[in-house]
Amino acid sequence: MVHALKVEQASEADVARHLSFADGALGAAGHEVTDPYLRELVERQVRGELTGEEARALGVKHVLAR
């Protein structure tokens, strides 16, 4: 059974901080997310508009549709 988690809205400062951390972690590993749709999904997740599960499902669907 899947349980929906309550998603809280993040402030713009929180969003910027989380995105900066993710970009730094990816960059340190030699990676970068350049696809605008995938970046939008990450931003929406950080803002609390999507759960992690929803963002991953939409991202996988997007990548596999290429």
PDB file of N, CA and C in Angstrom:
ATOM      1  N   MET A   1       0.837  -1.172   0.000  1.00  0.00           N
ATOM      2  CA  MET A   1       0.000   0.000   0.000  1.00  0.00           C
ATOM      3  C   MET A   1       0.885   1.239   0.000  1.00  0.00           C
ATOM      4  N   VAL A   2       0.582   2.200  -0.837  1.00  0.00           N
ATOM      5  CA  VAL A   2       1.349   3.433  -0.945  1.00  0.00           C
ATOM      6  C   VAL A   2       0.686   4.487  -0.080  1.00  0.00           C
ATOM      7  N   HIS A   3       1.494   5.176   0.705  1.00  0.00           N
ATOM      8  CA  HIS A   3       0.984   6.251   1.555  1.00  0.00           C
ATOM      9  C   HIS A   3       1.548   7.569   1.052  1.00  0.00           C
ATOM     10  N   ALA A   4       0.683   8.542   0.853  1.00  0.00           N
ATOM     11  CA  ALA A   4       1.134   9.868   0.433  1.00  0.00           C
ATOM     12  C   ALA A   4       1.719  10.588   1.645  1.00  0.00           C
ATOM     13  N   LEU A   5       2.832  11.218   1.450  1.00  0.00           N
ATOM     14  CA  LEU A   5       3.445  12.000   2.505  1.00  0.00           C
ATOM     15  C   LEU A   5       2.988  13.439   2.392  1.00  0.00           C
ATOM     16  N   LYS A   6       2.854  14.094   3.528  1.00  0.00           N
ATOM     17  CA  LYS A   6       2.526  15.512   3.496  1.00  0.00           C
ATOM     18  C   LYS A   6       3.739  16.258   2.967  1.00  0.00           C
ATOM     19  N   VAL A   7       3.521  17.088   1.975  1.00  0.00           N
ATOM     20  CA  VAL A   7       4.603  17.840   1.356  1.00  0.00           C
ATOM     21  C   VAL A   7       4.499  19.282   1.822  1.00  0.00           C
ATOM     22  N   GLU A   8       5.554  19.787   2.427  1.00  0.00           N
ATOM     23  CA  GLU A   8       5.548  21.153   2.933  1.00  0.00           C
ATOM     24  C   GLU A   8       6.160  22.096   1.912  1.00  0.00           C
ATOM     25  N   GLN A   9       5.632  23.309   1.865  1.00  0.00           N
ATOM     26  CA  GLN A   9       6.147  24.323   0.958  1.00  0.00           C
ATOM     27  C   GLN A   9       7.459  24.886   1.509  1.00  0.00           C
ATOM     28  N   ALA A  10       8.415  25.099   0.628  1.00  0.00           N
ATOM     29  CA  ALA A  10       9.718  25.636   1.017  1.00  0.00           C
ATOM     30  C   ALA A  10       9.788  27.107   0.633  1.00  0.00           C
ATOM     31  N   SER A  11      10.542  27.874   1.407  1.00  0.00           N
ATOM     32  CA  SER A  11      10.757  29.280   1.068  1.00  0.00           C
ATOM     33  C   SER A  11      11.701  29.359  -0.128  1.00  0.00           C
ATOM     34  N   GLU A  12      11.735  30.497  -0.773  1.00  0.00           N
ATOM     35  CA  GLU A  12      12.644  30.676  -1.912  1.00  0.00           C
ATOM     36  C   GLU A  12      14.098  30.502  -1.489  1.00  0.00           C
ATOM     37  N   ALA A  13      14.432  30.940  -0.265  1.00  0.00           N
ATOM     38  CA  ALA A  13      15.802  30.771   0.233  1.00  0.00           C
ATOM     39  C   ALA A  13      16.120  29.285   0.404  1.00  0.00           C
ATOM     40  N   ASP A  14      15.158  28.517   0.922  1.00  0.00           N
ATOM     41  CA  ASP A  14      15.355  27.074   1.064  1.00  0.00           C
ATOM     42  C   ASP A  14      15.533  26.410  -0.293  1.00  0.00           C
ATOM     43  N   VAL A  15      14.701  26.818  -1.246  1.00  0.00           N
ATOM     44  CA  VAL A  15      14.789  26.257  -2.602  1.00  0.00           C
ATOM     45  C   VAL A  15      16.175  26.508  -3.177  1.00  0.00           C
ATOM     46  N   ALA A  16      16.636  27.752  -3.089  1.00  0.00           N
ATOM     47  CA  ALA A  16      17.954  28.108  -3.634  1.00  0.00           C
ATOM     48  C   ALA A  16      19.055  27.305  -2.939  1.00  0.00           C
ATOM     49  N   ARG A  17      18.958  27.160  -1.614  1.00  0.00           N
ATOM     50  CA  ARG A  17      19.974  26.421  -0.863  1.00  0.00           C
ATOM     51  C   ARG A  17      20.004  24.946  -1.255  1.00  0.00           C
ATOM     52  N   HIS A  18      18.841  24.331  -1.369  1.00  0.00           N
ATOM     53  CA  HIS A  18      18.780  22.915  -1.744  1.00  0.00           C
ATOM     54  C   HIS A  18      19.276  22.685  -3.176  1.00  0.00           C
ATOM     55  N   LEU A  19      18.889  23.560  -4.088  1.00  0.00           N
ATOM     56  CA  LEU A  19      19.341  23.409  -5.473  1.00  0.00           C
ATOM     57  C   LEU A  19      20.853  23.613  -5.578  1.00  0.00           C
ATOM     58  N   SER A  20      21.366  24.568  -4.831  1.00  0.00           N
ATOM     59  CA  SER A  20      22.809  24.821  -4.836  1.00  0.00           C
ATOM     60  C   SER A  20      23.562  23.606  -4.294  1.00  0.00           C
ATOM     61  N   PHE A  21      23.041  23.014  -3.219  1.00  0.00           N
ATOM     62  CA  PHE A  21      23.672  21.814  -2.658  1.00  0.00           C
ATOM     63  C   PHE A  21      23.663  20.682  -3.675  1.00  0.00           C
ATOM     64  N   ALA A  22      22.516  20.453  -4.313  1.00  0.00           N
ATOM     65  CA  ALA A  22      22.408  19.366  -5.296  1.00  0.00           C
ATOM     66  C   ALA A  22      23.353  19.600  -6.466  1.00  0.00           C
ATOM     67  N   ASP A  23      23.409  20.837  -6.962  1.00  0.00           N
ATOM     68  CA  ASP A  23      24.312  21.154  -8.073  1.00  0.00           C
ATOM     69  C   ASP A  23      25.769  20.928  -7.664  1.00  0.00           C
ATOM     70  N   GLY A  24      26.113  21.321  -6.448  1.00  0.00           N
ATOM     71  CA  GLY A  24      27.477  21.137  -5.965  1.00  0.00           C
ATOM     72  C   GLY A  24      27.840  19.672  -5.819  1.00  0.00           C
ATOM     73  N   ALA A  25      26.919  18.889  -5.277  1.00  0.00           N
ATOM     74  CA  ALA A  25      27.177  17.457  -5.099  1.00  0.00           C
ATOM     75  C   ALA A  25      27.335  16.770  -6.453  1.00  0.00           C
ATOM     76  N   LEU A  26      26.462  17.110  -7.390  1.00  0.00           N
ATOM     77  CA  LEU A  26      26.575  16.526  -8.725  1.00  0.00           C
ATOM     78  C   LEU A  26      27.874  16.964  -9.396  1.00  0.00           C
ATOM     79  N   GLY A  27      28.202  18.243  -9.272  1.00  0.00           N
ATOM     80  CA  GLY A  27      29.416  18.771  -9.876  1.00  0.00           C
ATOM     81  C   GLY A  27      30.670  18.116  -9.318  1.00  0.00           C
ATOM     82  N   ALA A  28      30.675  17.869  -8.008  1.00  0.00           N
ATOM     83  CA  ALA A  28      31.828  17.219  -7.377  1.00  0.00           C
ATOM     84  C   ALA A  28      32.034  15.812  -7.929  1.00  0.00           C
ATOM     85  N   ALA A  29      30.944  15.199  -8.371  1.00  0.00           N
ATOM     86  CA  ALA A  29      31.027  13.850  -8.938  1.00  0.00           C
ATOM     87  C   ALA A  29      31.196  13.891 -10.456  1.00  0.00           C
ATOM     88  N   GLY A  30      31.323  15.102 -11.010  1.00  0.00           N
ATOM     89  CA  GLY A  30      31.519  15.238 -12.448  1.00  0.00           C
ATOM     90  C   GLY A  30      30.238  15.164 -13.260  1.00  0.00           C
ATOM     91  N   HIS A  31      29.100  15.441 -12.616  1.00  0.00           N
ATOM     92  CA  HIS A  31      27.807  15.368 -13.302  1.00  0.00           C
ATOM     93  C   HIS A  31      27.121  16.727 -13.294  1.00  0.00           C
ATOM     94  N   GLU A  32      26.132  16.870 -14.187  1.00  0.00           N
ATOM     95  CA  GLU A  32      25.351  18.093 -14.260  1.00  0.00           C
ATOM     96  C   GLU A  32      24.002  17.755 -14.897  1.00  0.00           C
ATOM     97  N   VAL A  33      22.933  18.308 -14.346  1.00  0.00           N
ATOM     98  CA  VAL A  33      21.607  18.131 -14.937  1.00  0.00           C
ATOM     99  C   VAL A  33      21.359  19.342 -15.827  1.00  0.00           C
ATOM    100  N   THR A  34      21.289  19.104 -17.134  1.00  0.00           N
ATOM    101  CA  THR A  34      21.111  20.207 -18.075  1.00  0.00           C
ATOM    102  C   THR A  34      19.741  20.201 -18.736  1.00  0.00           C
ATOM    103  N   ASP A  35      19.003  19.119 -18.613  1.00  0.00           N
ATOM    104  CA  ASP A  35      17.672  19.036 -19.214  1.00  0.00           C
ATOM    105  C   ASP A  35      16.728  19.965 -18.443  1.00  0.00           C
ATOM    106  N   PRO A  36      16.127  20.945 -19.138  1.00  0.00           N
ATOM    107  CA  PRO A  36      15.263  21.909 -18.451  1.00  0.00           C
ATOM    108  C   PRO A  36      14.078  21.266 -17.736  1.00  0.00           C
ATOM    109  N   TYR A  37      13.493  20.234 -18.310  1.00  0.00           N
ATOM    110  CA  TYR A  37      12.341  19.587 -17.677  1.00  0.00           C
ATOM    111  C   TYR A  37      12.762  18.874 -16.390  1.00  0.00           C
ATOM    112  N   LEU A  38      13.908  18.188 -16.414  1.00  0.00           N
ATOM    113  CA  LEU A  38      14.374  17.501 -15.215  1.00  0.00           C
ATOM    114  C   LEU A  38      14.733  18.495 -14.116  1.00  0.00           C
ATOM    115  N   ARG A  39      15.318  19.622 -14.497  1.00  0.00           N
ATOM    116  CA  ARG A  39      15.618  20.672 -13.502  1.00  0.00           C
ATOM    117  C   ARG A  39      14.323  21.213 -12.913  1.00  0.00           C
ATOM    118  N   GLU A  40      13.310  21.377 -13.751  1.00  0.00           N
ATOM    119  CA  GLU A  40      12.015  21.855 -13.265  1.00  0.00           C
ATOM    120  C   GLU A  40      11.420  20.873 -12.249  1.00  0.00           C
ATOM    121  N   LEU A  41      11.541  19.574 -12.529  1.00  0.00           N
ATOM    122  CA  LEU A  41      11.032  18.572 -11.592  1.00  0.00           C
ATOM    123  C   LEU A  41      11.731  18.670 -10.245  1.00  0.00           C
ATOM    124  N   VAL A  42      13.042  18.857 -10.264  1.00  0.00           N
ATOM    125  CA  VAL A  42      13.795  18.987  -9.010  1.00  0.00           C
ATOM    126  C   VAL A  42      13.319  20.227  -8.257  1.00  0.00           C
ATOM    127  N   GLU A  43      13.161  21.328  -8.960  1.00  0.00           N
ATOM    128  CA  GLU A  43      12.695  22.560  -8.325  1.00  0.00           C
ATOM    129  C   GLU A  43      11.301  22.373  -7.733  1.00  0.00           C
ATOM    130  N   ARG A  44      10.424  21.718  -8.470  1.00  0.00           N
ATOM    131  CA  ARG A  44       9.065  21.485  -7.972  1.00  0.00           C
ATOM    132  C   ARG A  44       9.074  20.584  -6.741  1.00  0.00           C
ATOM    133  N   GLN A  45       9.976  19.599  -6.721  1.00  0.00           N
ATOM    134  CA  GLN A  45      10.083  18.738  -5.546  1.00  0.00           C
ATOM    135  C   GLN A  45      10.560  19.544  -4.348  1.00  0.00           C
ATOM    136  N   VAL A  46      11.592  20.352  -4.549  1.00  0.00           N
ATOM    137  CA  VAL A  46      12.126  21.162  -3.450  1.00  0.00           C
ATOM    138  C   VAL A  46      11.070  22.148  -2.941  1.00  0.00           C
ATOM    139  N   ARG A  47      10.265  22.691  -3.841  1.00  0.00           N
ATOM    140  CA  ARG A  47       9.210  23.630  -3.448  1.00  0.00           C
ATOM    141  C   ARG A  47       8.061  22.937  -2.712  1.00  0.00           C
ATOM    142  N   GLY A  48       8.010  21.623  -2.767  1.00  0.00           N
ATOM    143  CA  GLY A  48       6.935  20.902  -2.110  1.00  0.00           C
ATOM    144  C   GLY A  48       5.732  20.673  -2.998  1.00  0.00           C
ATOM    145  N   GLU A  49       5.895  20.905  -4.302  1.00  0.00           N
ATOM    146  CA  GLU A  49       4.792  20.713  -5.245  1.00  0.00           C
ATOM    147  C   GLU A  49       4.670  19.255  -5.679  1.00  0.00           C
ATOM    148  N   LEU A  50       5.750  18.500  -5.571  1.00  0.00           N
ATOM    149  CA  LEU A  50       5.787  17.080  -5.921  1.00  0.00           C
ATOM    150  C   LEU A  50       6.503  16.321  -4.812  1.00  0.00           C
ATOM    151  N   THR A  51       6.115  15.076  -4.618  1.00  0.00           N
ATOM    152  CA  THR A  51       6.899  14.216  -3.729  1.00  0.00           C
ATOM    153  C   THR A  51       8.104  13.712  -4.511  1.00  0.00           C
ATOM    154  N   GLY A  52       9.067  13.149  -3.826  1.00  0.00           N
ATOM    155  CA  GLY A  52      10.213  12.555  -4.505  1.00  0.00           C
ATOM    156  C   GLY A  52       9.785  11.444  -5.438  1.00  0.00           C
ATOM    157  N   GLU A  53       8.813  10.657  -5.001  1.00  0.00           N
ATOM    158  CA  GLU A  53       8.318   9.557  -5.823  1.00  0.00           C
ATOM    159  C   GLU A  53       7.681  10.082  -7.116  1.00  0.00           C
ATOM    160  N   GLU A  54       6.900  11.151  -7.002  1.00  0.00           N
ATOM    161  CA  GLU A  54       6.260  11.728  -8.189  1.00  0.00           C
ATOM    162  C   GLU A  54       7.304  12.298  -9.143  1.00  0.00           C
ATOM    163  N   ALA A  55       8.277  13.016  -8.591  1.00  0.00           N
ATOM    164  CA  ALA A  55       9.329  13.610  -9.432  1.00  0.00           C
ATOM    165  C   ALA A  55      10.119  12.529 -10.157  1.00  0.00           C
ATOM    166  N   ARG A  56      10.483  11.462  -9.451  1.00  0.00           N
ATOM    167  CA  ARG A  56      11.230  10.368 -10.090  1.00  0.00           C
ATOM    168  C   ARG A  56      10.420   9.708 -11.194  1.00  0.00           C
ATOM    169  N   ALA A  57       9.142   9.453 -10.930  1.00  0.00           N
ATOM    170  CA  ALA A  57       8.293   8.803 -11.937  1.00  0.00           C
ATOM    171  C   ALA A  57       8.173   9.666 -13.189  1.00  0.00           C
ATOM    172  N   LEU A  58       7.972  10.955 -13.016  1.00  0.00           N
ATOM    173  CA  LEU A  58       7.874  11.853 -14.174  1.00  0.00           C
ATOM    174  C   LEU A  58       9.213  11.950 -14.906  1.00  0.00           C
ATOM    175  N   GLY A  59      10.318  11.969 -14.148  1.00  0.00           N
ATOM    176  CA  GLY A  59      11.640  12.034 -14.765  1.00  0.00           C
ATOM    177  C   GLY A  59      11.959  10.795 -15.576  1.00  0.00           C
ATOM    178  N   VAL A  60      11.652   9.635 -15.028  1.00  0.00           N
ATOM    179  CA  VAL A  60      11.897   8.378 -15.754  1.00  0.00           C
ATOM    180  C   VAL A  60      11.051   8.344 -17.016  1.00  0.00           C
ATOM    181  N   LYS A  61       9.799   8.719 -16.911  1.00  0.00           N
ATOM    182  CA  LYS A  61       8.913   8.746 -18.083  1.00  0.00           C
ATOM    183  C   LYS A  61       9.475   9.668 -19.153  1.00  0.00           C
ATOM    184  N   HIS A  62       9.960  10.823 -18.748  1.00  0.00           N
ATOM    185  CA  HIS A  62      10.530  11.805 -19.678  1.00  0.00           C
ATOM    186  C   HIS A  62      11.768  11.245 -20.389  1.00  0.00           C
ATOM    187  N   VAL A  63      12.673  10.672 -19.615  1.00  0.00           N
ATOM    188  CA  VAL A  63      13.920  10.145 -20.186  1.00  0.00           C
ATOM    189  C   VAL A  63      13.651   8.969 -21.127  1.00  0.00           C
ATOM    190  N   LEU A  64      12.758   8.078 -20.729  1.00  0.00           N
ATOM    191  CA  LEU A  64      12.470   6.912 -21.558  1.00  0.00           C
ATOM    192  C   LEU A  64      11.695   7.260 -22.836  1.00  0.00           C
ATOM    193  N   ALA A  65      11.045   8.407 -22.850  1.00  0.00           N
ATOM    194  CA  ALA A  65      10.280   8.833 -24.017  1.00  0.00           C
ATOM    195  C   ALA A  65      11.160   9.416 -25.112  1.00  0.00           C
ATOM    196  N   ARG A  66      12.433   9.629 -24.829  1.00  0.00           N
ATOM    197  CA  ARG A  66      13.345  10.233 -25.817  1.00  0.00           C
ATOM    198  C   ARG A  66      13.613   9.290 -26.941  1.00  0.00           C
TER     199      ARG A  66
END
